[in-house]
C-alpha atoms as a PDB file:
ATOM      1  CA  GLN A   1     110.117 103.161  94.400  1.00  0.00           C
ATOM      2  CA  VAL A   2     108.655 100.473  96.609  1.00  0.00           C
ATOM      3  CA  GLN A   3     106.905  97.687  94.759  1.00  0.00           C
ATOM      4  CA  LEU A   4     105.132  94.590  96.017  1.00  0.00           C
ATOM      5  CA  VAL A   5     103.727  92.480  93.217  1.00  0.00           C
ATOM      6  CA  GLU A   6     101.420  89.578  93.978  1.00  0.00           C
ATOM      7  CA  SER A   7     100.635  86.757  91.591  1.00  0.00           C
ATOM      8  CA  GLY A   8      98.910  83.394  91.633  1.00  0.00           C
ATOM      9  CA  GLY A   9      95.322  84.290  92.425  1.00  0.00           C
ATOM     10  CA  GLY A  10      92.405  82.905  90.507  1.00  0.00           C
ATOM     11  CA  LEU A  11      89.298  80.763  90.562  1.00  0.00           C
ATOM     12  CA  VAL A  12      89.374  77.304  92.116  1.00  0.00           C
ATOM     13  CA  GLN A  13      86.827  74.780  93.296  1.00  0.00           C
ATOM     14  CA  ALA A  14      86.386  74.011  96.962  1.00  0.00           C
ATOM     15  CA  GLY A  15      89.009  71.535  98.092  1.00  0.00           C
ATOM     16  CA  GLY A  16      91.510  72.787  95.553  1.00  0.00           C
ATOM     17  CA  SER A  17      94.819  74.586  95.954  1.00  0.00           C
ATOM     18  CA  LEU A  18      96.435  77.841  94.929  1.00  0.00           C
ATOM     19  CA  ARG A  19      99.876  79.271  95.510  1.00  0.00           C
ATOM     20  CA  LEU A  20     100.320  83.010  95.886  1.00  0.00           C
ATOM     21  CA  SER A  21     103.656  84.714  95.400  1.00  0.00           C
ATOM     22  CA  CYS A  22     104.864  88.198  96.205  1.00  0.00           C
ATOM     23  CA  ALA A  23     108.003  89.814  94.862  1.00  0.00           C
ATOM     24  CA  THR A  24     109.264  93.028  96.385  1.00  0.00           C
ATOM     25  CA  SER A  25     111.705  95.714  95.400  1.00  0.00           C
ATOM     26  CA  GLY A  26     112.807  99.099  96.614  1.00  0.00           C
ATOM     27  CA  ILE A  27     112.087  98.495 100.315  1.00  0.00           C
ATOM     28  CA  PRO A  28     114.251 101.169 101.958  1.00  0.00           C
ATOM     29  CA  LEU A  29     114.208  99.724 105.470  1.00  0.00           C
ATOM     30  CA  THR A  30     115.134  96.386 106.985  1.00  0.00           C
ATOM     31  CA  PRO A  31     111.900  94.474 107.561  1.00  0.00           C
ATOM     32  CA  ASN A  32     110.952  92.414 110.592  1.00  0.00           C
ATOM     33  CA  GLY A  33     108.917  90.100 108.429  1.00  0.00           C
ATOM     34  CA  MET A  34     106.364  89.612 105.690  1.00  0.00           C
ATOM     35  CA  ALA A  35     102.714  88.685 105.813  1.00  0.00           C
ATOM     36  CA  TRP A  36      99.564  87.935 103.893  1.00  0.00           C
ATOM     37  CA  TYR A  37      96.278  89.631 104.646  1.00  0.00           C
ATOM     38  CA  ARG A  38      92.899  89.184 103.010  1.00  0.00           C
ATOM     39  CA  GLN A  39      89.733  91.172 102.677  1.00  0.00           C
ATOM     40  CA  ALA A  40      86.395  89.680 101.740  1.00  0.00           C
ATOM     41  CA  PRO A  41      83.543  91.846 100.420  1.00  0.00           C
ATOM     42  CA  GLY A  42      81.909  93.789 103.224  1.00  0.00           C
ATOM     43  CA  LYS A  43      84.477  92.664 105.780  1.00  0.00           C
ATOM     44  CA  GLN A  44      87.546  94.161 107.386  1.00  0.00           C
ATOM     45  CA  ARG A  45      91.007  93.206 106.217  1.00  0.00           C
ATOM     46  CA  GLU A  46      92.302  90.334 108.324  1.00  0.00           C
ATOM     47  CA  LEU A  47      95.724  88.866 108.955  1.00  0.00           C
ATOM     48  CA  VAL A  48      96.190  85.432 107.395  1.00  0.00           C
ATOM     49  CA  ALA A  49      99.805  84.512 108.078  1.00  0.00           C
ATOM     50  CA  THR A  50     103.170  86.023 108.953  1.00  0.00           C
ATOM     51  CA  ILE A  51     106.762  84.976 108.613  1.00  0.00           C
ATOM     52  CA  SER A  52     109.517  86.770 110.480  1.00  0.00           C
ATOM     53  CA  THR A  53     113.001  87.312 109.149  1.00  0.00           C
ATOM     54  CA  SER A  54     114.119  84.484 111.455  1.00  0.00           C
ATOM     55  CA  GLY A  55     111.564  82.142 109.876  1.00  0.00           C
ATOM     56  CA  THR A  56     108.982  82.069 112.644  1.00  0.00           C
ATOM     57  CA  THR A  57     105.480  81.682 111.255  1.00  0.00           C
ATOM     58  CA  THR A  58     102.034  82.468 112.604  1.00  0.00           C
ATOM     59  CA  TYR A  59      98.605  81.706 111.188  1.00  0.00           C
ATOM     60  CA  ALA A  60      95.038  82.781 111.702  1.00  0.00           C
ATOM     61  CA  ASP A  61      93.018  80.014 113.323  1.00  0.00           C
ATOM     62  CA  SER A  62      90.796  79.838 110.252  1.00  0.00           C
ATOM     63  CA  VAL A  63      93.674  78.743 107.997  1.00  0.00           C
ATOM     64  CA  LYS A  64      95.849  76.671 110.336  1.00  0.00           C
ATOM     65  CA  GLY A  65      96.662  73.295 108.847  1.00  0.00           C
ATOM     66  CA  ARG A  66      95.557  74.385 105.371  1.00  0.00           C
ATOM     67  CA  PHE A  67      97.815  77.312 104.478  1.00  0.00           C
ATOM     68  CA  THR A  68     101.611  77.470 104.560  1.00  0.00           C
ATOM     69  CA  ILE A  69     103.626  80.670 104.391  1.00  0.00           C
ATOM     70  CA  SER A  70     107.227  80.637 103.228  1.00  0.00           C
ATOM     71  CA  GLY A  71     109.725  83.259 102.246  1.00  0.00           C
ATOM     72  CA  ASP A  72     113.218  84.168 101.201  1.00  0.00           C
ATOM     73  CA  GLY A  73     114.536  86.907 103.449  1.00  0.00           C
ATOM     74  CA  ALA A  74     117.470  87.732 101.203  1.00  0.00           C
ATOM     75  CA  LYS A  75     115.271  88.089  98.121  1.00  0.00           C
ATOM     76  CA  ARG A  76     112.408  89.572 100.131  1.00  0.00           C
ATOM     77  CA  THR A  77     109.860  87.305  98.533  1.00  0.00           C
ATOM     78  CA  VAL A  78     106.995  85.515 100.215  1.00  0.00           C
ATOM     79  CA  GLN A  79     104.624  82.759  99.160  1.00  0.00           C
ATOM     80  CA  LEU A  80     101.367  81.404 100.488  1.00  0.00           C
ATOM     81  CA  GLN A  81     100.438  77.812  99.684  1.00  0.00           C
ATOM     82  CA  MET A  82      96.704  77.404 100.125  1.00  0.00           C
ATOM     83  CA  ASP A  83      95.297  73.886 100.262  1.00  0.00           C
ATOM     84  CA  SER A  84      91.848  72.515 101.021  1.00  0.00           C
ATOM     85  CA  LEU A  85      90.357  75.832 100.018  1.00  0.00           C
ATOM     86  CA  LYS A  86      86.864  76.717 101.183  1.00  0.00           C
ATOM     87  CA  PRO A  87      84.345  79.204  99.755  1.00  0.00           C
ATOM     88  CA  GLU A  88      84.906  81.357 102.847  1.00  0.00           C
ATOM     89  CA  ASP A  89      88.526  81.815 101.750  1.00  0.00           C
ATOM     90  CA  THR A  90      87.263  83.952  98.869  1.00  0.00           C
ATOM     91  CA  ALA A  91      88.854  87.383  99.212  1.00  0.00           C
ATOM     92  CA  VAL A  92      91.420  89.763  97.842  1.00  0.00           C
ATOM     93  CA  TYR A  93      94.772  88.701  99.247  1.00  0.00           C
ATOM     94  CA  TYR A  94      97.402  91.327 100.006  1.00  0.00           C
ATOM     95  CA  CYS A  95     101.127  90.944 100.463  1.00  0.00           C
ATOM     96  CA  ASN A  96     102.600  92.975 103.310  1.00  0.00           C
ATOM     97  CA  VAL A  97     106.111  93.851 104.450  1.00  0.00           C
ATOM     98  CA  TYR A  98     106.449  95.229 107.958  1.00  0.00           C
ATOM     99  CA  GLY A  99     108.987  96.511 110.408  1.00  0.00           C
ATOM    100  CA  SER A 100     109.662  99.257 112.876  1.00  0.00           C
ATOM    101  CA  LEU A 101     111.913 102.278 113.008  1.00  0.00           C
ATOM    102  CA  LEU A 102     112.601 103.928 116.345  1.00  0.00           C
ATOM    103  CA  SER A 103     109.617 102.018 117.761  1.00  0.00           C
ATOM    104  CA  THR A 104     107.346 103.318 115.003  1.00  0.00           C
ATOM    105  CA  PRO A 105     105.795 100.543 112.933  1.00  0.00           C
ATOM    106  CA  TRP A 106     105.770 100.731 109.160  1.00  0.00           C
ATOM    107  CA  HIS A 107     104.057  98.705 106.453  1.00  0.00           C
ATOM    108  CA  TYR A 108     104.156  98.392 102.691  1.00  0.00           C
ATOM    109  CA  TRP A 109     101.322  96.775 100.755  1.00  0.00           C
ATOM    110  CA  GLY A 110     100.819  95.097  97.440  1.00  0.00           C
ATOM    111  CA  GLN A 111      97.895  95.848  95.186  1.00  0.00           C
ATOM    112  CA  GLY A 112      96.119  92.587  95.975  1.00  0.00           C
ATOM    113  CA  THR A 113      95.198  89.470  94.051  1.00  0.00           C
ATOM    114  CA  GLN A 114      91.722  87.966  93.870  1.00  0.00           C
ATOM    115  CA  VAL A 115      91.121  84.444  95.118  1.00  0.00           C
ATOM    116  CA  THR A 116      87.695  82.983  94.435  1.00  0.00           C
ATOM    117  CA  VAL A 117      86.681  79.557  95.727  1.00  0.00           C
ATOM    118  CA  SER A 118      83.520  78.093  94.250  1.00  0.00           C
ATOM    119  CA  SER A 119      81.371  75.577  96.083  1.00  0.00           C
END
């Protein structure tokens, strides 16, 4: 079955760093890319960063210059290096694999990992 397993979350002080990792298995389709999303309490899930299978990256404005996404397309793993963390980065972070089949988008999600940034 499909599995996306995140690791690396935790508690860190403002200004600190964390590195999230996501390992996948059982993805039955060829993905277009991988991504990280986050969801803070009482807020909608938001896109943090993406990396396509060709290596193109995108970032939310709120994390540009602080977060770096990287991945291994062959191993279907993705990481998120988070530096200069702020209390507003506190959220559950979700790994995502995405693609499309016959113009129909598909997504697989991890279970999430908590990141808490104290002030």
